[in-house]
Amino acid sequence: MNAFYDHHRDSISWQYRCFDRILLNGLIQPFQQPERVVGFFDTYRQLYPVTRYTLRGIADQFQQWIKGRCAKRNIPILEAPKVRRDDFVGPYFKGAKPDQVVVVLKAREPARTMIAIGDKTVGRWHLELSQRWVVQYNVYINDSQWGRLFVRVCPYLPFSARVCLNQHHWLANRMRQEGIKFVQRANAFLKCAAPKRLQELADSLTAHDLVSCGQKWLARLTPFFTSREREQAGCQHRLFFSQVEYCDYVPGNVIQSVFSPAARPRRCAKGSRLIRAGGRKTCWTEPPGTLWGLNRDADCGAMKRPVKR
C-alpha cells in the first residue's frame, strides 16, 4: 500500500497512475559490429569494399528521400528551435489525421555513426563506430494508437534512433474510443467520468504496445533496407528503455495541504507527481520513503511496472 495514499485517502476524491514520457533508444544490433556490416554489403548488395563514399552516399540518399517525401506531402522541415520543442510543435498537431506526420525538426546532435578509414588508391578500407555530431531528423507524428509522438532518426549508418511516447496520449485515445469523458491538460487528466476504468486502461499497457509502434515507424523511416533484408539479415531496430517517467496523480489541494513550498514534490501538472528513472542522473520526486525503480536501457521485451521498494 502506498503510505501517502493510505494516510490521506479520506481527502482524495480520485487518483490514477500511469507512465508519462517513455524514451526508447533504437539500434540495429547486427550493424553494431563493423565486420557484420561488411558482410551485409557483400552478401545482399554485392559491394566490397565499403568505403567512406559508400557511407556518405547512403546518408545523402536518406536526406534526399525525406526532403522529397515531405515536399510531396507538404510537411515542413524546420531547424530545431531554441524554445521547448513540445510547445513549438503543438500547433502543427491541430486537426492532424491518424498516422500523419505533421512536422520534421532537424538539429545537429551526437550519434554513433559508422566511418570508413582507408585509401582509395589501394582499395583497402576498414570500418569502425565513432561518436559524431551530425544532423538528425526529429519526425513528429500523430499516431493512430499513441497520439502525439516523435521519432528521431540518424541518416548515417547504423541508423541509430530514438522514439518518444507518452501514455497520457495513449490513454486519451483509449478513452475516446470507449466514449469516456475527460479533461486533459498537458501531461495529466484533471477530470475523468470513469476513473476506475482509466486505471484499468493504464494497467493494460504491454511491451507489445510500445514495440509495435516503435518498429512500425522506424521501418517506415529507414527505407534503405528491403523487406528481405529486414527478415533475413535482422535489419530492424531493437528498442531499449532510455528514460521512463511515471505519473502519480492526486488532486492538487491535497498536495498543497500536506507539503510546505520547500518540501513540495515537483509536479508535471496540477496535483501530478512525477517520478523519473533513466539517463545519467536519476531524479526522484516522490515523498520520502517511496522509491520506484526501472533499469536504464532495459529491453522493452522485459518491461515491468515499477515495483515499490
Protein backbone atom coordinates (compact mmCIF):
# COMPACT_ATOMS: atom_id res chain seq x y z
CA MET A 1 0.00 0.00 0.00
CA ASN A 2 1.23 3.50 -0.84
CA ALA A 3 1.80 5.19 2.53
CA PHE A 4 0.86 8.61 1.14
CA TYR A 5 -2.45 7.35 -0.24
CA ASP A 6 -3.21 5.26 2.83
CA HIS A 7 -2.78 8.25 5.14
CA HIS A 8 -4.75 10.75 3.03
CA ARG A 9 -7.28 8.59 1.19
CA ASP A 10 -10.25 10.19 3.01
CA SER A 11 -9.26 13.53 1.41
CA ILE A 12 -8.66 12.18 -2.09
CA SER A 13 -11.66 12.07 -4.42
CA TRP A 14 -9.85 10.08 -7.12
CA GLN A 15 -6.38 9.33 -8.39
CA TYR A 16 -4.63 7.42 -11.13
CA ARG A 17 -1.15 6.22 -12.00
CA CYS A 18 0.37 5.71 -15.40
CA PHE A 19 3.57 6.12 -17.34
CA ASP A 20 4.21 9.60 -18.63
CA ARG A 21 7.04 10.14 -21.14
CA ILE A 22 8.78 6.99 -22.36
CA LEU A 23 12.06 7.38 -24.26
CA LEU A 24 13.23 4.36 -26.23
CA ASN A 25 16.60 4.04 -27.92
CA GLY A 26 16.62 2.05 -31.12
CA LEU A 27 19.55 0.26 -32.70
CA ILE A 28 20.11 -2.37 -35.36
CA GLN A 29 22.17 -4.92 -33.50
CA PRO A 30 23.92 -6.63 -36.45
CA PHE A 31 25.22 -3.21 -37.52
CA GLN A 32 26.95 -2.60 -34.20
CA GLN A 33 29.82 -4.81 -35.46
CA PRO A 34 31.78 -3.42 -38.44
CA GLU A 35 32.60 -6.88 -39.79
CA ARG A 36 28.91 -7.72 -40.00
CA VAL A 37 28.28 -4.51 -41.91
CA VAL A 38 30.93 -5.56 -44.42
CA GLY A 39 29.31 -8.98 -44.65
CA PHE A 40 25.88 -7.44 -45.23
CA PHE A 41 27.05 -5.33 -48.17
CA ASP A 42 28.96 -8.25 -49.67
CA THR A 43 26.02 -10.68 -49.34
CA TYR A 44 22.98 -8.52 -50.06
CA ARG A 45 24.36 -5.66 -52.15
CA GLN A 46 27.35 -7.37 -53.84
CA LEU A 47 29.50 -4.46 -52.76
CA TYR A 48 33.06 -4.70 -51.49
CA PRO A 49 34.87 -2.86 -50.03
CA VAL A 50 32.67 -0.42 -48.12
CA THR A 51 34.28 3.00 -48.48
CA ARG A 52 33.62 6.42 -46.99
CA TYR A 53 32.00 7.32 -50.30
CA THR A 54 29.56 4.44 -49.86
CA LEU A 55 28.60 5.61 -46.38
CA ARG A 56 28.34 9.24 -47.47
CA GLY A 57 26.10 8.23 -50.36
CA ILE A 58 23.76 6.37 -48.01
CA ALA A 59 23.35 9.46 -45.81
CA ASP A 60 22.79 11.69 -48.85
CA GLN A 61 20.21 9.23 -50.17
CA PHE A 62 18.27 9.34 -46.90
CA GLN A 63 18.25 13.14 -46.78
CA GLN A 64 17.05 13.35 -50.37
CA TRP A 65 14.34 10.81 -49.59
CA ILE A 66 12.96 12.59 -46.53
CA LYS A 67 13.09 16.02 -48.21
CA GLY A 68 11.29 14.68 -51.28
CA ARG A 69 8.68 12.86 -49.22
CA CYS A 70 7.97 15.92 -47.09
CA ALA A 71 7.75 18.21 -50.10
CA LYS A 72 5.25 15.87 -51.77
CA ARG A 73 3.03 15.84 -48.64
CA ASN A 74 3.52 19.50 -47.70
CA ILE A 75 5.25 18.57 -44.43
CA PRO A 76 7.52 21.37 -43.20
CA ILE A 77 11.17 20.61 -42.38
CA LEU A 78 12.40 23.21 -39.91
CA GLU A 79 15.50 23.94 -37.92
CA ALA A 80 15.01 22.92 -34.29
CA PRO A 81 14.04 26.00 -32.25
CA LYS A 82 15.79 27.18 -29.11
CA VAL A 83 12.49 27.09 -27.20
CA ARG A 84 10.92 23.92 -25.79
CA ARG A 85 10.21 21.68 -28.77
CA ASP A 86 6.95 20.22 -27.44
CA ASP A 87 5.49 23.71 -27.19
CA PHE A 88 6.81 24.68 -30.62
CA VAL A 89 5.26 21.71 -32.47
CA GLY A 90 1.92 21.87 -30.62
CA PRO A 91 0.10 23.95 -33.27
CA TYR A 92 1.12 21.52 -36.02
CA PHE A 93 -0.92 18.74 -34.38
CA LYS A 94 -4.20 20.65 -34.60
CA GLY A 95 -6.50 18.81 -36.98
CA ALA A 96 -3.91 16.09 -37.68
CA LYS A 97 -5.25 12.82 -39.05
CA PRO A 98 -4.29 9.40 -37.61
CA ASP A 99 -0.78 8.28 -38.60
CA GLN A 100 0.01 11.67 -40.10
CA VAL A 101 3.48 13.21 -40.00
CA VAL A 102 2.91 16.85 -39.05
CA VAL A 103 6.38 18.40 -38.94
CA VAL A 104 10.08 17.48 -39.05
CA LEU A 105 12.71 19.27 -36.98
CA LYS A 106 16.36 18.86 -37.89
CA ALA A 107 19.19 19.52 -35.48
CA ARG A 108 22.87 18.71 -35.05
CA GLU A 109 23.06 16.17 -32.24
CA PRO A 110 25.51 13.45 -31.13
CA ALA A 111 25.16 9.95 -32.59
CA ARG A 112 27.19 6.80 -33.12
CA THR A 113 27.99 6.59 -36.80
CA MET A 114 29.91 4.15 -38.94
CA ILE A 115 33.03 5.61 -40.55
CA ALA A 116 35.39 4.11 -43.12
CA ILE A 117 39.13 4.57 -42.84
CA GLY A 118 41.41 3.70 -45.73
CA ASP A 119 42.88 4.73 -49.04
CA LYS A 120 41.05 4.55 -52.36
CA THR A 121 44.31 4.21 -54.27
CA VAL A 122 45.00 0.79 -52.78
CA GLY A 123 41.35 -0.14 -52.23
CA ARG A 124 41.72 -1.09 -48.58
CA TRP A 125 39.20 0.12 -46.04
CA HIS A 126 38.10 -0.80 -42.55
CA LEU A 127 35.03 0.31 -40.65
CA GLU A 128 34.62 1.49 -37.10
CA LEU A 129 31.98 3.17 -34.96
CA SER A 130 32.60 6.73 -33.87
CA GLN A 131 30.67 9.32 -31.87
CA ARG A 132 29.99 12.34 -34.10
CA TRP A 133 27.80 15.44 -34.11
CA VAL A 134 25.59 15.09 -37.18
CA VAL A 135 22.30 16.47 -38.48
CA GLN A 136 19.43 14.25 -37.31
CA TYR A 137 15.74 14.38 -38.14
CA ASN A 138 13.03 14.51 -35.47
CA VAL A 139 9.79 13.38 -37.08
CA TYR A 140 6.63 14.40 -35.19
CA ILE A 141 3.69 12.08 -35.76
CA ASN A 142 0.04 11.79 -34.73
CA ASP A 143 -0.01 8.01 -34.31
CA SER A 144 -3.38 6.24 -34.56
CA GLN A 145 -2.79 4.47 -31.22
CA TRP A 146 -0.30 6.62 -29.30
CA GLY A 147 -1.32 10.09 -30.44
CA ARG A 148 1.50 12.64 -30.26
CA LEU A 149 4.99 11.16 -30.52
CA PHE A 150 8.27 11.78 -32.24
CA VAL A 151 10.91 9.57 -33.82
CA ARG A 152 14.49 10.79 -34.17
CA VAL A 153 16.46 9.13 -36.96
CA CYS A 154 20.12 9.50 -37.80
CA PRO A 155 20.69 9.40 -41.58
CA TYR A 156 24.11 7.75 -41.18
CA LEU A 157 24.73 4.06 -40.69
CA PRO A 158 23.92 2.27 -38.42
CA PHE A 159 20.76 4.45 -38.30
CA SER A 160 20.59 4.98 -34.54
CA ALA A 161 17.15 6.19 -33.46
CA ARG A 162 15.02 7.36 -30.56
CA VAL A 163 11.27 7.02 -30.04
CA CYS A 164 9.41 9.24 -27.56
CA LEU A 165 5.97 8.08 -26.41
CA ASN A 166 3.58 9.31 -23.73
CA GLN A 167 1.00 7.05 -22.10
CA HIS A 168 -1.26 10.02 -21.37
CA HIS A 169 -1.87 10.44 -25.11
CA TRP A 170 -2.32 6.67 -25.45
CA LEU A 171 -4.92 6.69 -22.66
CA ALA A 172 -6.71 9.67 -24.19
CA ASN A 173 -7.21 7.70 -27.41
CA ARG A 174 -8.46 4.65 -25.49
CA MET A 175 -10.99 6.72 -23.55
CA ARG A 176 -12.23 8.46 -26.71
CA GLN A 177 -12.81 5.04 -28.27
CA GLU A 178 -14.88 3.99 -25.24
CA GLY A 179 -16.79 7.26 -25.05
CA ILE A 180 -15.40 8.25 -21.64
CA LYS A 181 -15.48 11.98 -20.96
CA PHE A 182 -12.30 13.51 -19.57
CA VAL A 183 -10.36 16.74 -19.29
CA GLN A 184 -6.66 16.59 -20.21
CA ARG A 185 -4.17 19.35 -19.63
CA ALA A 186 -0.61 18.79 -20.85
CA ASN A 187 0.54 15.56 -19.20
CA ALA A 188 -2.31 14.93 -16.73
CA PHE A 189 -6.02 14.19 -16.65
CA LEU A 190 -7.76 16.73 -14.42
CA LYS A 191 -11.21 15.14 -14.67
CA CYS A 192 -12.48 11.73 -15.73
CA ALA A 193 -16.03 10.36 -15.80
CA ALA A 194 -14.78 6.81 -15.16
CA PRO A 195 -11.60 6.93 -13.01
CA LYS A 196 -11.71 3.20 -12.27
CA ARG A 197 -11.76 2.39 -15.99
CA LEU A 198 -8.96 4.91 -16.54
CA GLN A 199 -6.75 3.00 -14.11
CA GLU A 200 -7.68 -0.32 -15.74
CA LEU A 201 -6.65 1.04 -19.12
CA ALA A 202 -3.40 2.42 -17.67
CA ASP A 203 -2.57 -1.00 -16.22
CA SER A 204 -3.31 -2.75 -19.53
CA LEU A 205 -0.26 -1.30 -21.31
CA THR A 206 2.09 -4.03 -22.53
CA ALA A 207 5.53 -4.23 -24.07
CA HIS A 208 3.89 -5.15 -27.37
CA ASP A 209 2.14 -1.76 -27.47
CA LEU A 210 5.50 0.01 -27.29
CA VAL A 211 7.43 -2.28 -29.62
CA SER A 212 4.76 -2.45 -32.33
CA CYS A 213 4.51 1.34 -32.51
CA GLY A 214 8.25 1.92 -32.47
CA GLN A 215 9.06 -0.68 -35.10
CA LYS A 216 6.22 0.45 -37.35
CA TRP A 217 7.61 3.97 -37.66
CA LEU A 218 11.28 3.01 -37.66
CA ALA A 219 10.66 0.64 -40.56
CA ARG A 220 8.95 3.44 -42.49
CA LEU A 221 11.72 5.91 -41.72
CA THR A 222 14.61 3.65 -42.77
CA PRO A 223 13.80 2.92 -46.42
CA PHE A 224 17.39 1.84 -47.09
CA PHE A 225 16.53 -1.79 -46.23
CA THR A 226 14.35 -4.12 -48.27
CA SER A 227 11.77 -6.48 -46.74
CA ARG A 228 14.06 -9.44 -47.50
CA GLU A 229 16.99 -7.79 -45.71
CA ARG A 230 14.86 -6.98 -42.67
CA GLU A 231 13.67 -10.57 -42.42
CA GLN A 232 16.83 -12.48 -43.27
CA ALA A 233 19.61 -10.19 -42.02
CA GLY A 234 17.82 -8.84 -38.95
CA CYS A 235 17.98 -5.25 -40.25
CA GLN A 236 15.36 -3.84 -37.94
CA HIS A 237 15.63 -1.76 -34.81
CA ARG A 238 15.58 -3.29 -31.37
CA LEU A 239 14.25 -0.97 -28.69
CA PHE A 240 15.68 -0.30 -25.24
CA PHE A 241 14.47 1.93 -22.42
CA SER A 242 16.47 5.13 -22.07
CA GLN A 243 14.20 7.05 -19.70
CA VAL A 244 10.78 6.43 -18.18
CA GLU A 245 8.62 8.89 -16.26
CA TYR A 246 5.85 7.59 -14.01
CA CYS A 247 2.99 9.90 -13.04
CA ASP A 248 1.02 9.57 -9.78
CA TYR A 249 -1.94 11.94 -9.90
CA VAL A 250 -3.79 13.14 -6.79
CA PRO A 251 -5.88 16.32 -6.52
CA GLY A 252 -3.78 19.44 -6.19
CA ASN A 253 -5.39 20.70 -2.97
CA VAL A 254 -4.22 17.56 -1.15
CA ILE A 255 -0.63 18.15 -2.27
CA GLN A 256 -0.85 21.81 -1.24
CA SER A 257 -2.15 20.98 2.24
CA VAL A 258 0.41 18.28 3.06
CA PHE A 259 3.69 19.76 1.83
CA SER A 260 5.29 23.09 2.57
CA PRO A 261 6.55 25.00 -0.51
CA ALA A 262 10.13 23.87 0.19
CA ALA A 263 9.23 20.19 0.54
CA ARG A 264 6.54 20.01 -2.14
CA PRO A 265 7.31 17.43 -4.89
CA ARG A 266 7.77 18.75 -8.41
CA ARG A 267 4.57 18.24 -10.39
CA CYS A 268 4.07 17.67 -14.09
CA ALA A 269 0.58 19.20 -13.82
CA LYS A 270 -1.74 20.26 -11.05
CA GLY A 271 -1.65 17.52 -8.46
CA SER A 272 0.50 15.20 -10.54
CA ARG A 273 3.77 13.94 -9.05
CA LEU A 274 6.47 12.89 -11.49
CA ILE A 275 8.88 10.01 -10.93
CA ARG A 276 11.75 9.70 -13.38
CA ALA A 277 14.15 6.82 -14.00
CA GLY A 278 16.96 6.58 -16.51
CA GLY A 279 19.66 8.74 -18.01
CA ARG A 280 22.92 9.91 -16.45
CA LYS A 281 21.11 11.41 -13.47
CA THR A 282 18.06 9.98 -11.73
CA CYS A 283 15.61 12.38 -10.08
CA TRP A 284 13.16 11.02 -7.51
CA THR A 285 10.30 13.38 -6.76
CA GLU A 286 8.12 11.06 -4.66
CA PRO A 287 7.69 11.92 -0.94
CA PRO A 288 10.40 10.45 1.35
CA GLY A 289 10.09 6.73 1.94
CA THR A 290 8.83 5.87 -1.55
CA LEU A 291 11.25 4.71 -4.23
CA TRP A 292 10.34 3.35 -7.62
CA GLY A 293 12.92 1.71 -9.85
CA LEU A 294 13.28 0.98 -13.52
CA ASN A 295 16.57 -0.09 -15.07
CA ARG A 296 18.11 2.17 -17.69
CA ASP A 297 18.47 0.57 -21.13
CA ALA A 298 16.22 -2.32 -20.07
CA ASP A 299 14.99 -4.36 -23.01
CA CYS A 300 11.42 -3.42 -23.95
CA GLY A 301 10.60 -7.10 -24.08
CA ALA A 302 11.10 -7.22 -20.32
CA MET A 303 9.02 -4.15 -19.45
CA LYS A 304 7.52 -4.30 -15.98
CA ARG A 305 5.52 -1.87 -13.94
CA PRO A 306 7.85 -0.18 -11.43
CA VAL A 307 7.94 -2.01 -8.11
CA LYS A 308 7.89 -0.11 -4.83
CA ARG A 309 10.99 -0.79 -2.76
